[in-house]
Amino acid sequence: MAAVKAGADRQEMHEVLRQLSLNAWTSVQQGQPNPLQSLAAADERVTRWVAPSELEPLFNVSGYTGSAERRARKMAEKIKAIQ
């Protein structure tokens, strides 16, 4: 979305990220750390629109999980209570 806000074509960026994600998934399946952020930072199709230094906060998943952590802990407490 950051690239689109900067003027990139939404469909094109979706395809770029899909390709990078598939490459990253191969590494993850081989037991390696997820390289998606570094792949994006090295890809000029991405960095044309978003500077590598701006990518790090975009890859911070805590900004996308909302109340999931709190809700999961609450559910775990309920499960423990009935066991």
PDB file of N, CA and C in Angstrom:
ATOM      1  N   MET A   1       0.823  -1.194   0.000  1.00  0.00           N
ATOM      2  CA  MET A   1       0.000   0.000   0.000  1.00  0.00           C
ATOM      3  C   MET A   1       0.869   1.260   0.000  1.00  0.00           C
ATOM      4  N   ALA A   2       2.014   1.190   0.659  1.00  0.00           N
ATOM      5  CA  ALA A   2       2.889   2.369   0.683  1.00  0.00           C
ATOM      6  C   ALA A   2       3.362   2.712  -0.723  1.00  0.00           C
ATOM      7  N   ALA A   3       3.664   1.696  -1.516  1.00  0.00           N
ATOM      8  CA  ALA A   3       4.103   1.938  -2.892  1.00  0.00           C
ATOM      9  C   ALA A   3       2.967   2.522  -3.722  1.00  0.00           C
ATOM     10  N   VAL A   4       1.768   2.019  -3.508  1.00  0.00           N
ATOM     11  CA  VAL A   4       0.605   2.531  -4.240  1.00  0.00           C
ATOM     12  C   VAL A   4       0.353   3.987  -3.862  1.00  0.00           C
ATOM     13  N   LYS A   5       0.468   4.295  -2.581  1.00  0.00           N
ATOM     14  CA  LYS A   5       0.298   5.685  -2.143  1.00  0.00           C
ATOM     15  C   LYS A   5       1.345   6.603  -2.773  1.00  0.00           C
ATOM     16  N   ALA A   6       2.516   6.011  -3.079  1.00  0.00           N
ATOM     17  CA  ALA A   6       3.590   6.797  -3.691  1.00  0.00           C
ATOM     18  C   ALA A   6       3.440   6.891  -5.210  1.00  0.00           C
ATOM     19  N   GLY A   7       2.437   6.190  -5.765  1.00  0.00           N
ATOM     20  CA  GLY A   7       2.179   6.303  -7.195  1.00  0.00           C
ATOM     21  C   GLY A   7       2.332   5.028  -7.999  1.00  0.00           C
ATOM     22  N   ALA A   8       2.699   3.926  -7.360  1.00  0.00           N
ATOM     23  CA  ALA A   8       2.866   2.654  -8.071  1.00  0.00           C
ATOM     24  C   ALA A   8       1.511   2.079  -8.476  1.00  0.00           C
ATOM     25  N   ASP A   9       1.524   1.254  -9.510  1.00  0.00           N
ATOM     26  CA  ASP A   9       0.322   0.562  -9.955  1.00  0.00           C
ATOM     27  C   ASP A   9       0.001  -0.568  -8.973  1.00  0.00           C
ATOM     28  N   ARG A  10      -1.195  -0.587  -8.465  1.00  0.00           N
ATOM     29  CA  ARG A  10      -1.594  -1.556  -7.439  1.00  0.00           C
ATOM     30  C   ARG A  10      -1.431  -2.996  -7.923  1.00  0.00           C
ATOM     31  N   GLN A  11      -1.898  -3.290  -9.125  1.00  0.00           N
ATOM     32  CA  GLN A  11      -1.835  -4.650  -9.648  1.00  0.00           C
ATOM     33  C   GLN A  11      -0.389  -5.083  -9.864  1.00  0.00           C
ATOM     34  N   GLU A  12       0.427  -4.180 -10.377  1.00  0.00           N
ATOM     35  CA  GLU A  12       1.837  -4.492 -10.603  1.00  0.00           C
ATOM     36  C   GLU A  12       2.544  -4.783  -9.279  1.00  0.00           C
ATOM     37  N   MET A  13       2.305  -3.961  -8.280  1.00  0.00           N
ATOM     38  CA  MET A  13       2.951  -4.182  -6.982  1.00  0.00           C
ATOM     39  C   MET A  13       2.462  -5.474  -6.337  1.00  0.00           C
ATOM     40  N   HIS A  14       1.200  -5.788  -6.522  1.00  0.00           N
ATOM     41  CA  HIS A  14       0.673  -7.047  -5.997  1.00  0.00           C
ATOM     42  C   HIS A  14       1.433  -8.216  -6.613  1.00  0.00           C
ATOM     43  N   GLU A  15       1.657  -8.171  -7.906  1.00  0.00           N
ATOM     44  CA  GLU A  15       2.384  -9.244  -8.587  1.00  0.00           C
ATOM     45  C   GLU A  15       3.836  -9.311  -8.122  1.00  0.00           C
ATOM     46  N   VAL A  16       4.473  -8.167  -7.965  1.00  0.00           N
ATOM     47  CA  VAL A  16       5.857  -8.136  -7.476  1.00  0.00           C
ATOM     48  C   VAL A  16       5.931  -8.779  -6.092  1.00  0.00           C
ATOM     49  N   LEU A  17       5.044  -8.384  -5.200  1.00  0.00           N
ATOM     50  CA  LEU A  17       5.060  -8.938  -3.839  1.00  0.00           C
ATOM     51  C   LEU A  17       4.692 -10.414  -3.833  1.00  0.00           C
ATOM     52  N   ARG A  18       3.834 -10.835  -4.739  1.00  0.00           N
ATOM     53  CA  ARG A  18       3.495 -12.258  -4.845  1.00  0.00           C
ATOM     54  C   ARG A  18       4.737 -13.056  -5.243  1.00  0.00           C
ATOM     55  N   GLN A  19       5.471 -12.572  -6.232  1.00  0.00           N
ATOM     56  CA  GLN A  19       6.688 -13.251  -6.673  1.00  0.00           C
ATOM     57  C   GLN A  19       7.729 -13.307  -5.552  1.00  0.00           C
ATOM     58  N   LEU A  20       7.933 -12.185  -4.885  1.00  0.00           N
ATOM     59  CA  LEU A  20       8.897 -12.146  -3.788  1.00  0.00           C
ATOM     60  C   LEU A  20       8.471 -13.071  -2.652  1.00  0.00           C
ATOM     61  N   SER A  21       7.175 -13.115  -2.384  1.00  0.00           N
ATOM     62  CA  SER A  21       6.655 -13.980  -1.318  1.00  0.00           C
ATOM     63  C   SER A  21       6.878 -15.448  -1.637  1.00  0.00           C
ATOM     64  N   LEU A  22       6.683 -15.828  -2.890  1.00  0.00           N
ATOM     65  CA  LEU A  22       6.924 -17.217  -3.288  1.00  0.00           C
ATOM     66  C   LEU A  22       8.398 -17.575  -3.130  1.00  0.00           C
ATOM     67  N   ASN A  23       9.284 -16.661  -3.495  1.00  0.00           N
ATOM     68  CA  ASN A  23      10.717 -16.893  -3.300  1.00  0.00           C
ATOM     69  C   ASN A  23      11.048 -17.014  -1.814  1.00  0.00           C
ATOM     70  N   ALA A  24      10.466 -16.157  -1.016  1.00  0.00           N
ATOM     71  CA  ALA A  24      10.711 -16.194   0.430  1.00  0.00           C
ATOM     72  C   ALA A  24      10.183 -17.494   1.024  1.00  0.00           C
ATOM     73  N   TRP A  25       9.031 -17.944   0.569  1.00  0.00           N
ATOM     74  CA  TRP A  25       8.424 -19.163   1.094  1.00  0.00           C
ATOM     75  C   TRP A  25       9.327 -20.368   0.850  1.00  0.00           C
ATOM     76  N   THR A  26      10.014 -20.393  -0.274  1.00  0.00           N
ATOM     77  CA  THR A  26      10.951 -21.479  -0.559  1.00  0.00           C
ATOM     78  C   THR A  26      12.030 -21.524   0.522  1.00  0.00           C
ATOM     79  N   SER A  27      12.554 -20.382   0.894  1.00  0.00           N
ATOM     80  CA  SER A  27      13.573 -20.324   1.950  1.00  0.00           C
ATOM     81  C   SER A  27      13.008 -20.785   3.283  1.00  0.00           C
ATOM     82  N   VAL A  28      11.811 -20.344   3.606  1.00  0.00           N
ATOM     83  CA  VAL A  28      11.181 -20.718   4.879  1.00  0.00           C
ATOM     84  C   VAL A  28      10.967 -22.228   4.934  1.00  0.00           C
ATOM     85  N   GLN A  29      10.540 -22.818   3.833  1.00  0.00           N
ATOM     86  CA  GLN A  29      10.320 -24.266   3.796  1.00  0.00           C
ATOM     87  C   GLN A  29      11.618 -25.040   4.000  1.00  0.00           C
ATOM     88  N   GLN A  30      12.735 -24.435   3.673  1.00  0.00           N
ATOM     89  CA  GLN A  30      14.038 -25.070   3.852  1.00  0.00           C
ATOM     90  C   GLN A  30      14.617 -24.802   5.237  1.00  0.00           C
ATOM     91  N   GLY A  31      13.813 -24.211   6.110  1.00  0.00           N
ATOM     92  CA  GLY A  31      14.227 -23.967   7.484  1.00  0.00           C
ATOM     93  C   GLY A  31      15.026 -22.692   7.683  1.00  0.00           C
ATOM     94  N   GLN A  32      15.071 -21.855   6.686  1.00  0.00           N
ATOM     95  CA  GLN A  32      15.814 -20.601   6.786  1.00  0.00           C
ATOM     96  C   GLN A  32      14.882 -19.488   7.261  1.00  0.00           C
ATOM     97  N   PRO A  33      15.445 -18.399   7.773  1.00  0.00           N
ATOM     98  CA  PRO A  33      14.609 -17.259   8.175  1.00  0.00           C
ATOM     99  C   PRO A  33      13.880 -16.681   6.959  1.00  0.00           C
ATOM    100  N   ASN A  34      12.771 -16.045   7.214  1.00  0.00           N
ATOM    101  CA  ASN A  34      11.985 -15.437   6.145  1.00  0.00           C
ATOM    102  C   ASN A  34      12.741 -14.226   5.574  1.00  0.00           C
ATOM    103  N   PRO A  35      13.129 -14.279   4.296  1.00  0.00           N
ATOM    104  CA  PRO A  35      13.902 -13.185   3.703  1.00  0.00           C
ATOM    105  C   PRO A  35      13.059 -12.145   2.965  1.00  0.00           C
ATOM    106  N   LEU A  36      11.745 -12.152   3.154  1.00  0.00           N
ATOM    107  CA  LEU A  36      10.888 -11.286   2.350  1.00  0.00           C
ATOM    108  C   LEU A  36      11.281  -9.813   2.443  1.00  0.00           C
ATOM    109  N   GLN A  37      11.557  -9.342   3.638  1.00  0.00           N
ATOM    110  CA  GLN A  37      11.912  -7.925   3.786  1.00  0.00           C
ATOM    111  C   GLN A  37      13.192  -7.601   3.024  1.00  0.00           C
ATOM    112  N   SER A  38      14.199  -8.447   3.131  1.00  0.00           N
ATOM    113  CA  SER A  38      15.453  -8.166   2.421  1.00  0.00           C
ATOM    114  C   SER A  38      15.283  -8.317   0.910  1.00  0.00           C
ATOM    115  N   LEU A  39      14.437  -9.255   0.482  1.00  0.00           N
ATOM    116  CA  LEU A  39      14.157  -9.384  -0.952  1.00  0.00           C
ATOM    117  C   LEU A  39      13.487  -8.117  -1.478  1.00  0.00           C
ATOM    118  N   ALA A  40      12.536  -7.601  -0.734  1.00  0.00           N
ATOM    119  CA  ALA A  40      11.843  -6.374  -1.141  1.00  0.00           C
ATOM    120  C   ALA A  40      12.807  -5.189  -1.159  1.00  0.00           C
ATOM    121  N   ALA A  41      13.673  -5.118  -0.157  1.00  0.00           N
ATOM    122  CA  ALA A  41      14.620  -4.003  -0.066  1.00  0.00           C
ATOM    123  C   ALA A  41      15.650  -4.035  -1.191  1.00  0.00           C
ATOM    124  N   ALA A  42      15.873  -5.221  -1.768  1.00  0.00           N
ATOM    125  CA  ALA A  42      16.849  -5.357  -2.846  1.00  0.00           C
ATOM    126  C   ALA A  42      16.212  -5.274  -4.232  1.00  0.00           C
ATOM    127  N   ASP A  43      14.912  -5.191  -4.288  1.00  0.00           N
ATOM    128  CA  ASP A  43      14.204  -5.203  -5.572  1.00  0.00           C
ATOM    129  C   ASP A  43      13.881  -3.776  -6.009  1.00  0.00           C
ATOM    130  N   GLU A  44      14.435  -3.374  -7.138  1.00  0.00           N
ATOM    131  CA  GLU A  44      14.240  -1.989  -7.591  1.00  0.00           C
ATOM    132  C   GLU A  44      12.795  -1.691  -7.971  1.00  0.00           C
ATOM    133  N   ARG A  45      11.999  -2.725  -8.238  1.00  0.00           N
ATOM    134  CA  ARG A  45      10.580  -2.484  -8.526  1.00  0.00           C
ATOM    135  C   ARG A  45       9.859  -2.008  -7.271  1.00  0.00           C
ATOM    136  N   VAL A  46      10.394  -2.382  -6.108  1.00  0.00           N
ATOM    137  CA  VAL A  46       9.832  -1.934  -4.830  1.00  0.00           C
ATOM    138  C   VAL A  46      10.475  -0.619  -4.413  1.00  0.00           C
ATOM    139  N   THR A  47      11.799  -0.600  -4.442  1.00  0.00           N
ATOM    140  CA  THR A  47      12.516   0.571  -3.923  1.00  0.00           C
ATOM    141  C   THR A  47      12.369   1.807  -4.807  1.00  0.00           C
ATOM    142  N   ARG A  48      11.854   1.622  -5.998  1.00  0.00           N
ATOM    143  CA  ARG A  48      11.531   2.792  -6.826  1.00  0.00           C
ATOM    144  C   ARG A  48      10.467   3.638  -6.131  1.00  0.00           C
ATOM    145  N   TRP A  49       9.620   2.982  -5.341  1.00  0.00           N
ATOM    146  CA  TRP A  49       8.485   3.658  -4.706  1.00  0.00           C
ATOM    147  C   TRP A  49       8.638   3.809  -3.197  1.00  0.00           C
ATOM    148  N   VAL A  50       9.336   2.860  -2.581  1.00  0.00           N
ATOM    149  CA  VAL A  50       9.491   2.877  -1.119  1.00  0.00           C
ATOM    150  C   VAL A  50      10.962   2.633  -0.796  1.00  0.00           C
ATOM    151  N   ALA A  51      11.568   3.540  -0.064  1.00  0.00           N
ATOM    152  CA  ALA A  51      12.981   3.397   0.302  1.00  0.00           C
ATOM    153  C   ALA A  51      13.169   2.190   1.213  1.00  0.00           C
ATOM    154  N   PRO A  52      14.298   1.488   1.072  1.00  0.00           N
ATOM    155  CA  PRO A  52      14.542   0.333   1.945  1.00  0.00           C
ATOM    156  C   PRO A  52      14.396   0.663   3.431  1.00  0.00           C
ATOM    157  N   SER A  53      14.805   1.855   3.832  1.00  0.00           N
ATOM    158  CA  SER A  53      14.686   2.245   5.244  1.00  0.00           C
ATOM    159  C   SER A  53      13.228   2.387   5.680  1.00  0.00           C
ATOM    160  N   GLU A  54      12.336   2.623   4.735  1.00  0.00           N
ATOM    161  CA  GLU A  54      10.911   2.751   5.055  1.00  0.00           C
ATOM    162  C   GLU A  54      10.201   1.397   5.103  1.00  0.00           C
ATOM    163  N   LEU A  55      10.876   0.344   4.646  1.00  0.00           N
ATOM    164  CA  LEU A  55      10.244  -0.974   4.602  1.00  0.00           C
ATOM    165  C   LEU A  55      10.139  -1.630   5.978  1.00  0.00           C
ATOM    166  N   GLU A  56      11.138  -1.416   6.834  1.00  0.00           N
ATOM    167  CA  GLU A  56      11.167  -2.107   8.126  1.00  0.00           C
ATOM    168  C   GLU A  56       9.876  -1.952   8.919  1.00  0.00           C
ATOM    169  N   PRO A  57       9.372  -0.746   9.126  1.00  0.00           N
ATOM    170  CA  PRO A  57       8.121  -0.650   9.894  1.00  0.00           C
ATOM    171  C   PRO A  57       6.935  -1.291   9.176  1.00  0.00           C
ATOM    172  N   LEU A  58       6.996  -1.368   7.852  1.00  0.00           N
ATOM    173  CA  LEU A  58       5.900  -1.990   7.110  1.00  0.00           C
ATOM    174  C   LEU A  58       5.862  -3.499   7.317  1.00  0.00           C
ATOM    175  N   PHE A  59       6.996  -4.076   7.683  1.00  0.00           N
ATOM    176  CA  PHE A  59       7.070  -5.515   7.916  1.00  0.00           C
ATOM    177  C   PHE A  59       6.879  -5.879   9.387  1.00  0.00           C
ATOM    178  N   ASN A  60       6.607  -4.912  10.232  1.00  0.00           N
ATOM    179  CA  ASN A  60       6.346  -5.168  11.650  1.00  0.00           C
ATOM    180  C   ASN A  60       4.907  -5.657  11.785  1.00  0.00           C
ATOM    181  N   VAL A  61       4.739  -6.961  12.018  1.00  0.00           N
ATOM    182  CA  VAL A  61       3.400  -7.557  12.020  1.00  0.00           C
ATOM    183  C   VAL A  61       2.531  -7.092  13.177  1.00  0.00           C
ATOM    184  N   SER A  62       3.121  -6.561  14.223  1.00  0.00           N
ATOM    185  CA  SER A  62       2.307  -6.155  15.370  1.00  0.00           C
ATOM    186  C   SER A  62       1.313  -5.059  14.996  1.00  0.00           C
ATOM    187  N   GLY A  63       1.603  -4.323  13.959  1.00  0.00           N
ATOM    188  CA  GLY A  63       0.682  -3.290  13.512  1.00  0.00           C
ATOM    189  C   GLY A  63      -0.527  -3.831  12.770  1.00  0.00           C
ATOM    190  N   TYR A  64      -0.504  -5.122  12.470  1.00  0.00           N
ATOM    191  CA  TYR A  64      -1.581  -5.717  11.682  1.00  0.00           C
ATOM    192  C   TYR A  64      -2.397  -6.755  12.449  1.00  0.00           C
ATOM    193  N   THR A  65      -2.025  -7.010  13.694  1.00  0.00           N
ATOM    194  CA  THR A  65      -2.697  -8.079  14.436  1.00  0.00           C
ATOM    195  C   THR A  65      -3.822  -7.585  15.325  1.00  0.00           C
ATOM    196  N   GLY A  66      -3.927  -6.283  15.479  1.00  0.00           N
ATOM    197  CA  GLY A  66      -5.031  -5.729  16.262  1.00  0.00           C
ATOM    198  C   GLY A  66      -5.084  -6.304  17.668  1.00  0.00           C
ATOM    199  N   SER A  67      -6.265  -6.745  18.067  1.00  0.00           N
ATOM    200  CA  SER A  67      -6.470  -7.265  19.419  1.00  0.00           C
ATOM    201  C   SER A  67      -6.288  -8.777  19.491  1.00  0.00           C
ATOM    202  N   ALA A  68      -5.709  -9.387  18.471  1.00  0.00           N
ATOM    203  CA  ALA A  68      -5.586 -10.845  18.421  1.00  0.00           C
ATOM    204  C   ALA A  68      -4.829 -11.409  19.623  1.00  0.00           C
ATOM    205  N   GLU A  69      -3.744 -10.766  20.028  1.00  0.00           N
ATOM    206  CA  GLU A  69      -2.962 -11.279  21.153  1.00  0.00           C
ATOM    207  C   GLU A  69      -3.796 -11.274  22.432  1.00  0.00           C
ATOM    208  N   ARG A  70      -4.458 -10.165  22.706  1.00  0.00           N
ATOM    209  CA  ARG A  70      -5.282 -10.070  23.916  1.00  0.00           C
ATOM    210  C   ARG A  70      -6.400 -11.105  23.881  1.00  0.00           C
ATOM    211  N   ARG A  71      -7.041 -11.254  22.751  1.00  0.00           N
ATOM    212  CA  ARG A  71      -8.154 -12.194  22.626  1.00  0.00           C
ATOM    213  C   ARG A  71      -7.683 -13.637  22.763  1.00  0.00           C
ATOM    214  N   ALA A  72      -6.509 -13.946  22.225  1.00  0.00           N
ATOM    215  CA  ALA A  72      -5.964 -15.298  22.343  1.00  0.00           C
ATOM    216  C   ALA A  72      -5.625 -15.622  23.797  1.00  0.00           C
ATOM    217  N   ARG A  73      -5.051 -14.669  24.507  1.00  0.00           N
ATOM    218  CA  ARG A  73      -4.731 -14.896  25.926  1.00  0.00           C
ATOM    219  C   ARG A  73      -6.008 -15.112  26.745  1.00  0.00           C
ATOM    220  N   LYS A  74      -7.037 -14.330  26.449  1.00  0.00           N
ATOM    221  CA  LYS A  74      -8.307 -14.471  27.154  1.00  0.00           C
ATOM    222  C   LYS A  74      -8.911 -15.851  26.895  1.00  0.00           C
ATOM    223  N   MET A  75      -8.850 -16.307  25.657  1.00  0.00           N
ATOM    224  CA  MET A  75      -9.367 -17.628  25.317  1.00  0.00           C
ATOM    225  C   MET A  75      -8.558 -18.716  26.010  1.00  0.00           C
ATOM    226  N   ALA A  76      -7.242 -18.563  26.067  1.00  0.00           N
ATOM    227  CA  ALA A  76      -6.392 -19.539  26.747  1.00  0.00           C
ATOM    228  C   ALA A  76      -6.747 -19.624  28.227  1.00  0.00           C
ATOM    229  N   GLU A  77      -7.029 -18.484  28.850  1.00  0.00           N
ATOM    230  CA  GLU A  77      -7.436 -18.478  30.258  1.00  0.00           C
ATOM    231  C   GLU A  77      -8.746 -19.237  30.443  1.00  0.00           C
ATOM    232  N   LYS A  78      -9.686 -19.062  29.544  1.00  0.00           N
ATOM    233  CA  LYS A  78     -10.966 -19.770  29.627  1.00  0.00           C
ATOM    234  C   LYS A  78     -10.769 -21.273  29.478  1.00  0.00           C
ATOM    235  N   ILE A  79      -9.900 -21.658  28.577  1.00  0.00           N
ATOM    236  CA  ILE A  79      -9.639 -23.086  28.366  1.00  0.00           C
ATOM    237  C   ILE A  79      -8.985 -23.690  29.593  1.00  0.00           C
ATOM    238  N   LYS A  80      -8.008 -23.002  30.169  1.00  0.00           N
ATOM    239  CA  LYS A  80      -7.351 -23.491  31.383  1.00  0.00           C
ATOM    240  C   LYS A  80      -8.355 -23.642  32.516  1.00  0.00           C
ATOM    241  N   ALA A  81      -9.308 -22.733  32.586  1.00  0.00           N
ATOM    242  CA  ALA A  81     -10.293 -22.759  33.672  1.00  0.00           C
ATOM    243  C   ALA A  81     -11.207 -23.978  33.595  1.00  0.00           C
ATOM    244  N   ILE A  82     -11.465 -24.493  32.417  1.00  0.00           N
ATOM    245  CA  ILE A  82     -12.377 -25.641  32.307  1.00  0.00           C
ATOM    246  C   ILE A  82     -11.650 -26.978  32.294  1.00  0.00           C
ATOM    247  N   GLN A  83     -10.354 -26.980  32.312  1.00  0.00           N
ATOM    248  CA  GLN A  83      -9.607 -28.249  32.303  1.00  0.00           C
ATOM    249  C   GLN A  83      -9.431 -28.798  33.683  1.00  0.00           C
TER     250      GLN A  83
END
